[in-house]
C-alpha atoms as a PDB file:
ATOM      1  CA  MET A   1     -12.720   7.744  10.277  1.00  0.00           C
ATOM      2  CA  PRO A   2     -14.598   4.956   8.535  1.00  0.00           C
ATOM      3  CA  GLU A   3     -16.436   7.370   6.262  1.00  0.00           C
ATOM      4  CA  ALA A   4     -13.102   8.567   4.834  1.00  0.00           C
ATOM      5  CA  VAL A   5     -12.082   5.109   3.616  1.00  0.00           C
ATOM      6  CA  GLU A   6     -14.182   5.142   0.424  1.00  0.00           C
ATOM      7  CA  LEU A   7     -13.116   8.714  -0.385  1.00  0.00           C
ATOM      8  CA  LEU A   8      -9.433   7.841   0.045  1.00  0.00           C
ATOM      9  CA  LEU A   9      -9.860   4.660  -1.971  1.00  0.00           C
ATOM     10  CA  GLY A  10     -11.416   6.773  -4.728  1.00  0.00           C
ATOM     11  CA  LEU A  11      -8.414   9.094  -4.694  1.00  0.00           C
ATOM     12  CA  VAL A  12      -5.954   6.192  -4.933  1.00  0.00           C
ATOM     13  CA  LEU A  13      -7.899   4.933  -7.950  1.00  0.00           C
ATOM     14  CA  ASP A  14      -8.476   8.395  -9.467  1.00  0.00           C
ATOM     15  CA  ARG A  15      -9.256   7.831 -13.150  1.00  0.00           C
ATOM     16  CA  GLY A  16      -8.402  11.345 -14.233  1.00  0.00           C
ATOM     17  CA  ASP A  17      -5.004  11.918 -12.670  1.00  0.00           C
ATOM     18  CA  THR A  18      -2.410   9.323 -11.684  1.00  0.00           C
ATOM     19  CA  PHE A  19      -0.499  12.028  -9.798  1.00  0.00           C
ATOM     20  CA  VAL A  20      -3.386  11.939  -7.326  1.00  0.00           C
ATOM     21  CA  THR A  21      -3.062   8.140  -7.228  1.00  0.00           C
ATOM     22  CA  ARG A  22       0.615   8.253  -6.394  1.00  0.00           C
ATOM     23  CA  ARG A  23       0.478  11.048  -3.826  1.00  0.00           C
ATOM     24  CA  THR A  24      -2.549   9.631  -2.028  1.00  0.00           C
ATOM     25  CA  ALA A  25      -1.026   6.151  -1.911  1.00  0.00           C
ATOM     26  CA  GLU A  26       2.250   7.604  -0.672  1.00  0.00           C
ATOM     27  CA  SER A  27       0.504   9.601   2.059  1.00  0.00           C
ATOM     28  CA  LEU A  28      -1.446   6.570   3.226  1.00  0.00           C
ATOM     29  CA  LEU A  29       1.670   4.403   3.242  1.00  0.00           C
ATOM     30  CA  ARG A  30       3.621   7.020   5.214  1.00  0.00           C
ATOM     31  CA  ARG A  31       1.187   6.437   8.065  1.00  0.00           C
ATOM     32  CA  LYS A  32       2.881   3.026   8.349  1.00  0.00           C
ATOM     33  CA  ASP A  33      -0.167   1.551  10.021  1.00  0.00           C
ATOM     34  CA  ARG A  34      -2.860  -1.000   9.279  1.00  0.00           C
ATOM     35  CA  VAL A  35      -5.415   1.634   8.214  1.00  0.00           C
ATOM     36  CA  GLY A  36      -3.198   3.136   5.518  1.00  0.00           C
ATOM     37  CA  LEU A  37      -1.957  -0.238   4.336  1.00  0.00           C
ATOM     38  CA  THR A  38      -5.515  -1.592   4.160  1.00  0.00           C
ATOM     39  CA  ILE A  39      -6.696   1.216   1.900  1.00  0.00           C
ATOM     40  CA  VAL A  40      -3.708   0.821  -0.413  1.00  0.00           C
ATOM     41  CA  ALA A  41      -4.142  -2.966  -0.436  1.00  0.00           C
ATOM     42  CA  SER A  42      -7.829  -2.581  -1.307  1.00  0.00           C
ATOM     43  CA  ALA A  43      -6.864  -0.320  -4.192  1.00  0.00           C
ATOM     44  CA  LEU A  44      -4.210  -2.750  -5.431  1.00  0.00           C
ATOM     45  CA  ALA A  45      -6.772  -5.544  -5.545  1.00  0.00           C
ATOM     46  CA  VAL A  46      -8.806  -3.721  -8.199  1.00  0.00           C
ATOM     47  CA  ALA A  47      -6.257  -1.354  -9.791  1.00  0.00           C
ATOM     48  CA  ASN A  48      -5.551  -1.453 -13.507  1.00  0.00           C
ATOM     49  CA  ASP A  49      -1.922  -1.861 -14.600  1.00  0.00           C
ATOM     50  CA  ASN A  50      -1.315   1.889 -14.876  1.00  0.00           C
ATOM     51  CA  HIS A  51      -2.609   2.626 -11.378  1.00  0.00           C
ATOM     52  CA  ALA A  52      -0.791  -0.396  -9.968  1.00  0.00           C
ATOM     53  CA  ASP A  53       2.486   0.963 -11.382  1.00  0.00           C
ATOM     54  CA  HIS A  54       1.954   4.310  -9.647  1.00  0.00           C
ATOM     55  CA  ILE A  55       1.006   2.611  -6.393  1.00  0.00           C
ATOM     56  CA  HIS A  56       4.112   0.409  -6.659  1.00  0.00           C
ATOM     57  CA  THR A  57       6.262   3.531  -7.082  1.00  0.00           C
ATOM     58  CA  ALA A  58       4.741   4.970  -3.906  1.00  0.00           C
ATOM     59  CA  ILE A  59       5.454   1.698  -2.079  1.00  0.00           C
ATOM     60  CA  VAL A  60       9.119   1.801  -3.092  1.00  0.00           C
ATOM     61  CA  ASP A  61       9.429   5.494  -2.214  1.00  0.00           C
ATOM     62  CA  VAL A  62       8.066   4.940   1.289  1.00  0.00           C
ATOM     63  CA  PHE A  63       9.617   1.617   2.272  1.00  0.00           C
ATOM     64  CA  SER A  64      13.037   1.614   0.602  1.00  0.00           C
ATOM     65  CA  ILE A  65      14.854   3.465   3.395  1.00  0.00           C
ATOM     66  CA  PHE A  66      14.365   1.787   6.799  1.00  0.00           C
ATOM     67  CA  SER A  67      14.292  -1.991   7.144  1.00  0.00           C
ATOM     68  CA  ASP A  68      12.298  -1.747  10.390  1.00  0.00           C
ATOM     69  CA  ASP A  69       9.461   0.047   8.580  1.00  0.00           C
ATOM     70  CA  LEU A  70       9.544  -2.507   5.790  1.00  0.00           C
ATOM     71  CA  ASP A  71       9.518  -5.437   8.210  1.00  0.00           C
ATOM     72  CA  GLU A  72       6.518  -4.020  10.069  1.00  0.00           C
ATOM     73  CA  ALA A  73       4.622  -3.432   6.813  1.00  0.00           C
ATOM     74  CA  LEU A  74       5.344  -7.024   5.738  1.00  0.00           C
ATOM     75  CA  ARG A  75       4.058  -8.283   9.092  1.00  0.00           C
ATOM     76  CA  ILE A  76       0.846  -6.270   8.782  1.00  0.00           C
ATOM     77  CA  CYS A  77       0.340  -7.531   5.217  1.00  0.00           C
ATOM     78  CA  ASP A  78       0.741 -11.113   6.434  1.00  0.00           C
ATOM     79  CA  GLU A  79      -2.067 -10.497   8.927  1.00  0.00           C
ATOM     80  CA  MET A  80      -4.259  -8.772   6.347  1.00  0.00           C
ATOM     81  CA  SER A  81      -3.848 -11.591   3.820  1.00  0.00           C
ATOM     82  CA  GLY A  82      -6.220 -13.624   5.993  1.00  0.00           C
ATOM     83  CA  ASP A  83      -8.854 -10.865   6.149  1.00  0.00           C
ATOM     84  CA  ILE A  84     -12.468 -11.931   5.627  1.00  0.00           C
ATOM     85  CA  ASP A  85     -12.843  -9.188   2.994  1.00  0.00           C
ATOM     86  CA  ASP A  86     -11.572 -10.856  -0.189  1.00  0.00           C
ATOM     87  CA  ARG A  87     -10.500  -7.516  -1.699  1.00  0.00           C
ATOM     88  CA  VAL A  88      -8.349  -6.676   1.327  1.00  0.00           C
ATOM     89  CA  ALA A  89      -6.857 -10.191   1.420  1.00  0.00           C
ATOM     90  CA  LEU A  90      -5.991 -10.169  -2.294  1.00  0.00           C
ATOM     91  CA  GLY A  91      -4.592  -6.651  -2.114  1.00  0.00           C
ATOM     92  CA  ALA A  92      -2.554  -7.526   0.972  1.00  0.00           C
ATOM     93  CA  ARG A  93      -0.934 -10.394  -0.916  1.00  0.00           C
ATOM     94  CA  ARG A  94      -0.133  -8.081  -3.833  1.00  0.00           C
ATOM     95  CA  LEU A  95       1.199  -5.421  -1.479  1.00  0.00           C
ATOM     96  CA  HIS A  96       3.321  -8.038   0.280  1.00  0.00           C
ATOM     97  CA  GLU A  97       4.800  -9.095  -3.075  1.00  0.00           C
ATOM     98  CA  SER A  98       5.767  -5.503  -3.855  1.00  0.00           C
ATOM     99  CA  LEU A  99       7.244  -4.971  -0.407  1.00  0.00           C
ATOM    100  CA  ALA A 100       9.210  -8.236  -0.568  1.00  0.00           C
ATOM    101  CA  GLU A 101      11.084  -6.968  -3.639  1.00  0.00           C
ATOM    102  CA  ILE A 102      12.488  -3.971  -1.761  1.00  0.00           C
ATOM    103  CA  ASP A 103      16.025  -3.971  -0.416  1.00  0.00           C
ATOM    104  CA  PRO A 104      16.066  -1.132   2.144  1.00  0.00           C
ATOM    105  CA  VAL A 105      19.043   1.169   2.456  1.00  0.00           C
ATOM    106  CA  LEU A 106      19.304   1.329   6.260  1.00  0.00           C
ATOM    107  CA  ARG A 107      19.300  -1.649   8.612  1.00  0.00           C
ATOM    108  CA  PRO A 108      19.800  -1.779  12.382  1.00  0.00           C
ATOM    109  CA  ALA A 109      23.411  -1.988  13.489  1.00  0.00           C
END
């Protein structure tokens, strides 16, 4: 729902509790879809270093297992990097950089 986007973005950037940041980012990333990735990318575009570290941990936790999931997330980030919303585009590039550093455990046979 569009009205949930700002609320979820606020949770990812929660100033009082980085546990909320990490768990919300992880939950959004586990959706493995454009909506979840867009919210996390938007947060990354404006996150301070501390929040960015917690978001990065969530990224690694979610995408370090299956290469297919990682490849799809990278593809979506490539698309989002051309978004007309500058915050989404910048965040998508940052998210792509984080994803590109991951070496997943399981690859197709």
